């Protein structure tokens, strides 16, 4: 790779692959959601992602280039993280919702960074149509990130697991004070 144009095409192909992988991942997350509003949000983002794929293909067309995917290892890794968590941890429904919202935020931030880099390159090379299409995708990713961040503030797991720690903390404090009393008596 020797030119900015080649880098741009590579990064564009990387995002095309990422968005295609995410269409499937979003479908999975929608099916896993125990809350109807979260399920609807993942389904809505899936439809939005399909439109983003079309825009990426339009960017290739505007450059008179063949749309060519380059494996996006970043998104592949985030999807693998989800699959491993679900398989190894066997989370309850509510915890899977919390995890999936967190995973969606990670993905959105990754995509936002990638689109910002693509837009910068497109601007430097004078690809106005590409900038316009990529900006549309970027704005949608930013809106989705805000929605997912709002969900993350609303979601509260049923079992916080703090009861055991609080109980053992109280027992520890009682034990400590009785040890102090024992030392004073001695």
C-alpha atoms as a PDB file:
ATOM      1  CA  UNK A   1       0.000   0.000   0.000  1.00  0.00           C
ATOM      2  CA  UNK A   2       1.549   3.248  -1.136  1.00  0.00           C
ATOM      3  CA  UNK A   3      -1.177   5.872  -1.483  1.00  0.00           C
ATOM      4  CA  UNK A   4      -3.873   7.521   0.621  1.00  0.00           C
ATOM      5  CA  UNK A   5      -6.384   6.303  -1.975  1.00  0.00           C
ATOM      6  CA  UNK A   6      -5.347   2.700  -1.336  1.00  0.00           C
ATOM      7  CA  UNK A   7      -5.599   3.250   2.428  1.00  0.00           C
ATOM      8  CA  UNK A   8      -9.019   4.842   1.994  1.00  0.00           C
ATOM      9  CA  UNK A   9     -10.282   1.874  -0.041  1.00  0.00           C
ATOM     10  CA  UNK A  10      -8.881  -0.544   2.530  1.00  0.00           C
ATOM     11  CA  UNK A  11     -10.537   1.287   5.446  1.00  0.00           C
ATOM     12  CA  UNK A  12     -13.767   1.577   3.474  1.00  0.00           C
ATOM     13  CA  UNK A  13     -13.703  -2.182   2.867  1.00  0.00           C
ATOM     14  CA  UNK A  14     -13.009  -2.707   6.571  1.00  0.00           C
ATOM     15  CA  UNK A  15     -16.146  -0.735   7.478  1.00  0.00           C
ATOM     16  CA  UNK A  16     -18.192  -2.556   4.854  1.00  0.00           C
ATOM     17  CA  UNK A  17     -17.204  -5.858   6.464  1.00  0.00           C
ATOM     18  CA  UNK A  18     -17.855  -4.463   9.944  1.00  0.00           C
ATOM     19  CA  UNK A  19     -21.350  -3.264   9.074  1.00  0.00           C
ATOM     20  CA  UNK A  20     -22.228  -6.599   7.432  1.00  0.00           C
ATOM     21  CA  UNK A  21     -21.044  -8.494  10.522  1.00  0.00           C
ATOM     22  CA  UNK A  22     -23.068  -6.153  12.711  1.00  0.00           C
ATOM     23  CA  UNK A  23     -26.324  -6.774  10.843  1.00  0.00           C
ATOM     24  CA  UNK A  24     -26.143 -10.380  12.015  1.00  0.00           C
ATOM     25  CA  UNK A  25     -24.920  -9.473  15.515  1.00  0.00           C
ATOM     26  CA  UNK A  26     -27.758  -6.969  15.991  1.00  0.00           C
ATOM     27  CA  UNK A  27     -30.267  -9.626  15.018  1.00  0.00           C
ATOM     28  CA  UNK A  28     -28.797 -11.891  17.698  1.00  0.00           C
ATOM     29  CA  UNK A  29     -28.896  -9.123  20.305  1.00  0.00           C
ATOM     30  CA  UNK A  30     -32.518  -8.335  19.470  1.00  0.00           C
ATOM     31  CA  UNK A  31     -33.459 -12.000  19.942  1.00  0.00           C
ATOM     32  CA  UNK A  32     -31.565 -12.159  23.250  1.00  0.00           C
ATOM     33  CA  UNK A  33     -33.207  -9.033  24.698  1.00  0.00           C
ATOM     34  CA  UNK A  34     -35.618  -9.628  27.551  1.00  0.00           C
ATOM     35  CA  UNK A  35     -36.966  -6.072  27.407  1.00  0.00           C
ATOM     36  CA  UNK A  36     -39.246  -5.141  24.453  1.00  0.00           C
ATOM     37  CA  UNK A  37     -37.859  -1.593  24.207  1.00  0.00           C
ATOM     38  CA  UNK A  38     -34.311  -2.930  23.967  1.00  0.00           C
ATOM     39  CA  UNK A  39     -35.337  -5.527  21.399  1.00  0.00           C
ATOM     40  CA  UNK A  40     -36.931  -2.761  19.317  1.00  0.00           C
ATOM     41  CA  UNK A  41     -33.779  -0.603  19.607  1.00  0.00           C
ATOM     42  CA  UNK A  42     -31.564  -3.428  18.303  1.00  0.00           C
ATOM     43  CA  UNK A  43     -33.995  -4.159  15.451  1.00  0.00           C
ATOM     44  CA  UNK A  44     -34.123  -0.484  14.527  1.00  0.00           C
ATOM     45  CA  UNK A  45     -30.333  -0.259  14.534  1.00  0.00           C
ATOM     46  CA  UNK A  46     -30.151  -3.388  12.376  1.00  0.00           C
ATOM     47  CA  UNK A  47     -32.338  -1.723   9.714  1.00  0.00           C
ATOM     48  CA  UNK A  48     -30.227   1.426   9.988  1.00  0.00           C
ATOM     49  CA  UNK A  49     -27.034  -0.632   9.545  1.00  0.00           C
ATOM     50  CA  UNK A  50     -28.411  -2.146   6.337  1.00  0.00           C
ATOM     51  CA  UNK A  51     -28.829   1.403   4.980  1.00  0.00           C
ATOM     52  CA  UNK A  52     -25.284   2.239   6.077  1.00  0.00           C
ATOM     53  CA  UNK A  53     -24.028  -0.716   4.023  1.00  0.00           C
ATOM     54  CA  UNK A  54     -25.813   0.731   0.990  1.00  0.00           C
ATOM     55  CA  UNK A  55     -24.157   4.100   1.577  1.00  0.00           C
ATOM     56  CA  UNK A  56     -20.719   2.488   1.834  1.00  0.00           C
ATOM     57  CA  UNK A  57     -21.373   0.733  -1.477  1.00  0.00           C
ATOM     58  CA  UNK A  58     -22.387   4.127  -2.934  1.00  0.00           C
ATOM     59  CA  UNK A  59     -19.056   5.553  -1.760  1.00  0.00           C
ATOM     60  CA  UNK A  60     -17.246   2.842  -3.726  1.00  0.00           C
ATOM     61  CA  UNK A  61     -19.428   3.631  -6.757  1.00  0.00           C
ATOM     62  CA  UNK A  62     -18.716   7.369  -6.467  1.00  0.00           C
ATOM     63  CA  UNK A  63     -15.001   6.522  -6.691  1.00  0.00           C
ATOM     64  CA  UNK A  64     -15.656   4.155  -9.613  1.00  0.00           C
ATOM     65  CA  UNK A  65     -14.223   1.310  -7.546  1.00  0.00           C
ATOM     66  CA  UNK A  66     -15.496  -2.196  -6.923  1.00  0.00           C
ATOM     67  CA  UNK A  67     -16.910  -2.622  -3.394  1.00  0.00           C
ATOM     68  CA  UNK A  68     -14.420  -4.934  -1.732  1.00  0.00           C
ATOM     69  CA  UNK A  69     -14.519  -6.064   1.884  1.00  0.00           C
ATOM     70  CA  UNK A  70     -11.425  -6.245   4.073  1.00  0.00           C
ATOM     71  CA  UNK A  71     -11.894  -8.301   7.240  1.00  0.00           C
ATOM     72  CA  UNK A  72     -12.618  -6.014  10.185  1.00  0.00           C
ATOM     73  CA  UNK A  73     -10.787  -7.691  13.028  1.00  0.00           C
ATOM     74  CA  UNK A  74     -11.892  -5.030  15.520  1.00  0.00           C
ATOM     75  CA  UNK A  75     -15.601  -5.759  15.150  1.00  0.00           C
ATOM     76  CA  UNK A  76     -14.887  -9.477  14.781  1.00  0.00           C
ATOM     77  CA  UNK A  77     -13.176  -9.320  18.188  1.00  0.00           C
ATOM     78  CA  UNK A  78     -16.086  -7.477  19.794  1.00  0.00           C
ATOM     79  CA  UNK A  79     -18.528 -10.075  18.448  1.00  0.00           C
ATOM     80  CA  UNK A  80     -16.285 -12.884  19.736  1.00  0.00           C
ATOM     81  CA  UNK A  81     -16.219 -11.165  23.136  1.00  0.00           C
ATOM     82  CA  UNK A  82     -20.044 -11.313  23.208  1.00  0.00           C
ATOM     83  CA  UNK A  83     -20.146 -14.959  22.150  1.00  0.00           C
ATOM     84  CA  UNK A  84     -17.534 -15.987  24.719  1.00  0.00           C
ATOM     85  CA  UNK A  85     -19.300 -14.097  27.506  1.00  0.00           C
ATOM     86  CA  UNK A  86     -22.640 -15.707  26.693  1.00  0.00           C
ATOM     87  CA  UNK A  87     -21.192 -19.200  26.391  1.00  0.00           C
ATOM     88  CA  UNK A  88     -18.785 -19.192  29.334  1.00  0.00           C
ATOM     89  CA  UNK A  89     -20.662 -17.061  31.846  1.00  0.00           C
ATOM     90  CA  UNK A  90     -24.233 -18.221  31.121  1.00  0.00           C
ATOM     91  CA  UNK A  91     -25.641 -14.852  32.267  1.00  0.00           C
ATOM     92  CA  UNK A  92     -29.205 -14.306  33.430  1.00  0.00           C
ATOM     93  CA  UNK A  93     -31.483 -12.489  30.962  1.00  0.00           C
ATOM     94  CA  UNK A  94     -31.183  -9.143  32.714  1.00  0.00           C
ATOM     95  CA  UNK A  95     -27.380  -9.358  32.890  1.00  0.00           C
ATOM     96  CA  UNK A  96     -27.203 -10.280  29.212  1.00  0.00           C
ATOM     97  CA  UNK A  97     -29.226  -7.132  28.471  1.00  0.00           C
ATOM     98  CA  UNK A  98     -26.757  -5.041  30.485  1.00  0.00           C
ATOM     99  CA  UNK A  99     -23.800  -6.716  28.745  1.00  0.00           C
ATOM    100  CA  UNK A 100     -25.344  -6.270  25.273  1.00  0.00           C
ATOM    101  CA  UNK A 101     -25.956  -2.569  25.824  1.00  0.00           C
ATOM    102  CA  UNK A 102     -22.333  -2.172  26.948  1.00  0.00           C
ATOM    103  CA  UNK A 103     -21.162  -4.124  23.917  1.00  0.00           C
ATOM    104  CA  UNK A 104     -23.273  -1.918  21.646  1.00  0.00           C
ATOM    105  CA  UNK A 105     -21.669   1.196  23.138  1.00  0.00           C
ATOM    106  CA  UNK A 106     -18.195  -0.251  22.479  1.00  0.00           C
ATOM    107  CA  UNK A 107     -19.137  -1.005  18.881  1.00  0.00           C
ATOM    108  CA  UNK A 108     -20.625   2.462  18.343  1.00  0.00           C
ATOM    109  CA  UNK A 109     -17.481   4.154  19.642  1.00  0.00           C
ATOM    110  CA  UNK A 110     -15.350   1.952  17.382  1.00  0.00           C
ATOM    111  CA  UNK A 111     -17.509   2.839  14.380  1.00  0.00           C
ATOM    112  CA  UNK A 112     -17.521   6.542  15.232  1.00  0.00           C
ATOM    113  CA  UNK A 113     -13.710   6.566  15.290  1.00  0.00           C
ATOM    114  CA  UNK A 114     -13.524   4.635  12.026  1.00  0.00           C
ATOM    115  CA  UNK A 115     -15.980   6.942  10.247  1.00  0.00           C
ATOM    116  CA  UNK A 116     -14.172  10.038  11.519  1.00  0.00           C
ATOM    117  CA  UNK A 117     -10.922   8.687  10.040  1.00  0.00           C
ATOM    118  CA  UNK A 118     -12.595   7.863   6.726  1.00  0.00           C
ATOM    119  CA  UNK A 119     -14.160  11.318   6.529  1.00  0.00           C
ATOM    120  CA  UNK A 120     -10.803  12.988   7.214  1.00  0.00           C
ATOM    121  CA  UNK A 121      -9.164  11.013   4.398  1.00  0.00           C
ATOM    122  CA  UNK A 122     -12.067  11.670   2.022  1.00  0.00           C
ATOM    123  CA  UNK A 123     -11.865  15.408   2.745  1.00  0.00           C
ATOM    124  CA  UNK A 124      -8.104  15.470   2.149  1.00  0.00           C
ATOM    125  CA  UNK A 125      -8.579  13.762  -1.202  1.00  0.00           C
ATOM    126  CA  UNK A 126     -11.521  15.960  -2.223  1.00  0.00           C
ATOM    127  CA  UNK A 127     -14.124  13.156  -2.369  1.00  0.00           C
ATOM    128  CA  UNK A 128     -17.170  15.330  -1.603  1.00  0.00           C
ATOM    129  CA  UNK A 129     -19.801  12.668  -2.302  1.00  0.00           C
ATOM    130  CA  UNK A 130     -17.947  10.198  -0.051  1.00  0.00           C
ATOM    131  CA  UNK A 131     -17.755  12.803   2.733  1.00  0.00           C
ATOM    132  CA  UNK A 132     -21.501  13.410   2.476  1.00  0.00           C
ATOM    133  CA  UNK A 133     -22.388   9.688   2.614  1.00  0.00           C
ATOM    134  CA  UNK A 134     -19.915   8.911   5.391  1.00  0.00           C
ATOM    135  CA  UNK A 135     -21.126  11.863   7.455  1.00  0.00           C
ATOM    136  CA  UNK A 136     -24.643  10.453   7.269  1.00  0.00           C
ATOM    137  CA  UNK A 137     -23.394   7.134   8.679  1.00  0.00           C
ATOM    138  CA  UNK A 138     -21.366   8.941  11.349  1.00  0.00           C
ATOM    139  CA  UNK A 139     -24.376  10.951  12.555  1.00  0.00           C
ATOM    140  CA  UNK A 140     -26.464   7.782  12.841  1.00  0.00           C
ATOM    141  CA  UNK A 141     -23.708   6.053  14.822  1.00  0.00           C
ATOM    142  CA  UNK A 142     -23.474   9.034  17.184  1.00  0.00           C
ATOM    143  CA  UNK A 143     -27.268   9.004  17.708  1.00  0.00           C
ATOM    144  CA  UNK A 144     -27.240   5.260  18.376  1.00  0.00           C
ATOM    145  CA  UNK A 145     -24.390   5.650  20.871  1.00  0.00           C
ATOM    146  CA  UNK A 146     -26.469   8.243  22.770  1.00  0.00           C
ATOM    147  CA  UNK A 147     -29.509   5.940  22.776  1.00  0.00           C
ATOM    148  CA  UNK A 148     -27.456   3.020  24.088  1.00  0.00           C
ATOM    149  CA  UNK A 149     -25.845   5.203  26.751  1.00  0.00           C
ATOM    150  CA  UNK A 150     -29.351   6.250  27.877  1.00  0.00           C
ATOM    151  CA  UNK A 151     -30.361   2.569  28.042  1.00  0.00           C
ATOM    152  CA  UNK A 152     -27.270   1.770  30.111  1.00  0.00           C
ATOM    153  CA  UNK A 153     -28.345   4.354  32.699  1.00  0.00           C
ATOM    154  CA  UNK A 154     -31.859   2.878  32.886  1.00  0.00           C
ATOM    155  CA  UNK A 155     -30.959  -0.815  33.046  1.00  0.00           C
ATOM    156  CA  UNK A 156     -30.526  -2.150  36.529  1.00  0.00           C
ATOM    157  CA  UNK A 157     -29.735  -5.831  37.050  1.00  0.00           C
ATOM    158  CA  UNK A 158     -32.111  -7.738  39.324  1.00  0.00           C
ATOM    159  CA  UNK A 159     -29.283  -9.293  41.349  1.00  0.00           C
ATOM    160  CA  UNK A 160     -26.585  -6.790  42.186  1.00  0.00           C
ATOM    161  CA  UNK A 161     -24.619  -9.302  44.273  1.00  0.00           C
ATOM    162  CA  UNK A 162     -23.916  -6.629  46.841  1.00  0.00           C
ATOM    163  CA  UNK A 163     -25.978  -8.269  49.591  1.00  0.00           C
ATOM    164  CA  UNK A 164     -23.332 -10.939  50.257  1.00  0.00           C
ATOM    165  CA  UNK A 165     -20.506  -8.398  50.340  1.00  0.00           C
ATOM    166  CA  UNK A 166     -22.455  -6.064  52.623  1.00  0.00           C
ATOM    167  CA  UNK A 167     -23.319  -8.955  54.945  1.00  0.00           C
ATOM    168  CA  UNK A 168     -19.722 -10.190  55.134  1.00  0.00           C
ATOM    169  CA  UNK A 169     -18.591  -6.583  55.642  1.00  0.00           C
ATOM    170  CA  UNK A 170     -20.926  -6.230  58.631  1.00  0.00           C
ATOM    171  CA  UNK A 171     -19.761  -9.561  60.059  1.00  0.00           C
ATOM    172  CA  UNK A 172     -16.158  -8.471  59.595  1.00  0.00           C
ATOM    173  CA  UNK A 173     -16.810  -5.182  61.352  1.00  0.00           C
ATOM    174  CA  UNK A 174     -18.534  -6.956  64.261  1.00  0.00           C
ATOM    175  CA  UNK A 175     -15.661  -9.403  64.528  1.00  0.00           C
ATOM    176  CA  UNK A 176     -13.143  -6.564  64.534  1.00  0.00           C
ATOM    177  CA  UNK A 177     -14.938  -4.670  67.299  1.00  0.00           C
ATOM    178  CA  UNK A 178     -15.249  -7.801  69.452  1.00  0.00           C
ATOM    179  CA  UNK A 179     -11.509  -8.439  68.955  1.00  0.00           C
ATOM    180  CA  UNK A 180     -10.794  -4.877  70.086  1.00  0.00           C
ATOM    181  CA  UNK A 181     -12.983  -5.368  73.151  1.00  0.00           C
ATOM    182  CA  UNK A 182     -11.149  -8.617  73.863  1.00  0.00           C
ATOM    183  CA  UNK A 183      -7.779  -6.838  73.694  1.00  0.00           C
ATOM    184  CA  UNK A 184      -8.966  -4.128  76.080  1.00  0.00           C
ATOM    185  CA  UNK A 185     -10.192  -6.738  78.572  1.00  0.00           C
ATOM    186  CA  UNK A 186      -6.856  -8.565  78.524  1.00  0.00           C
END
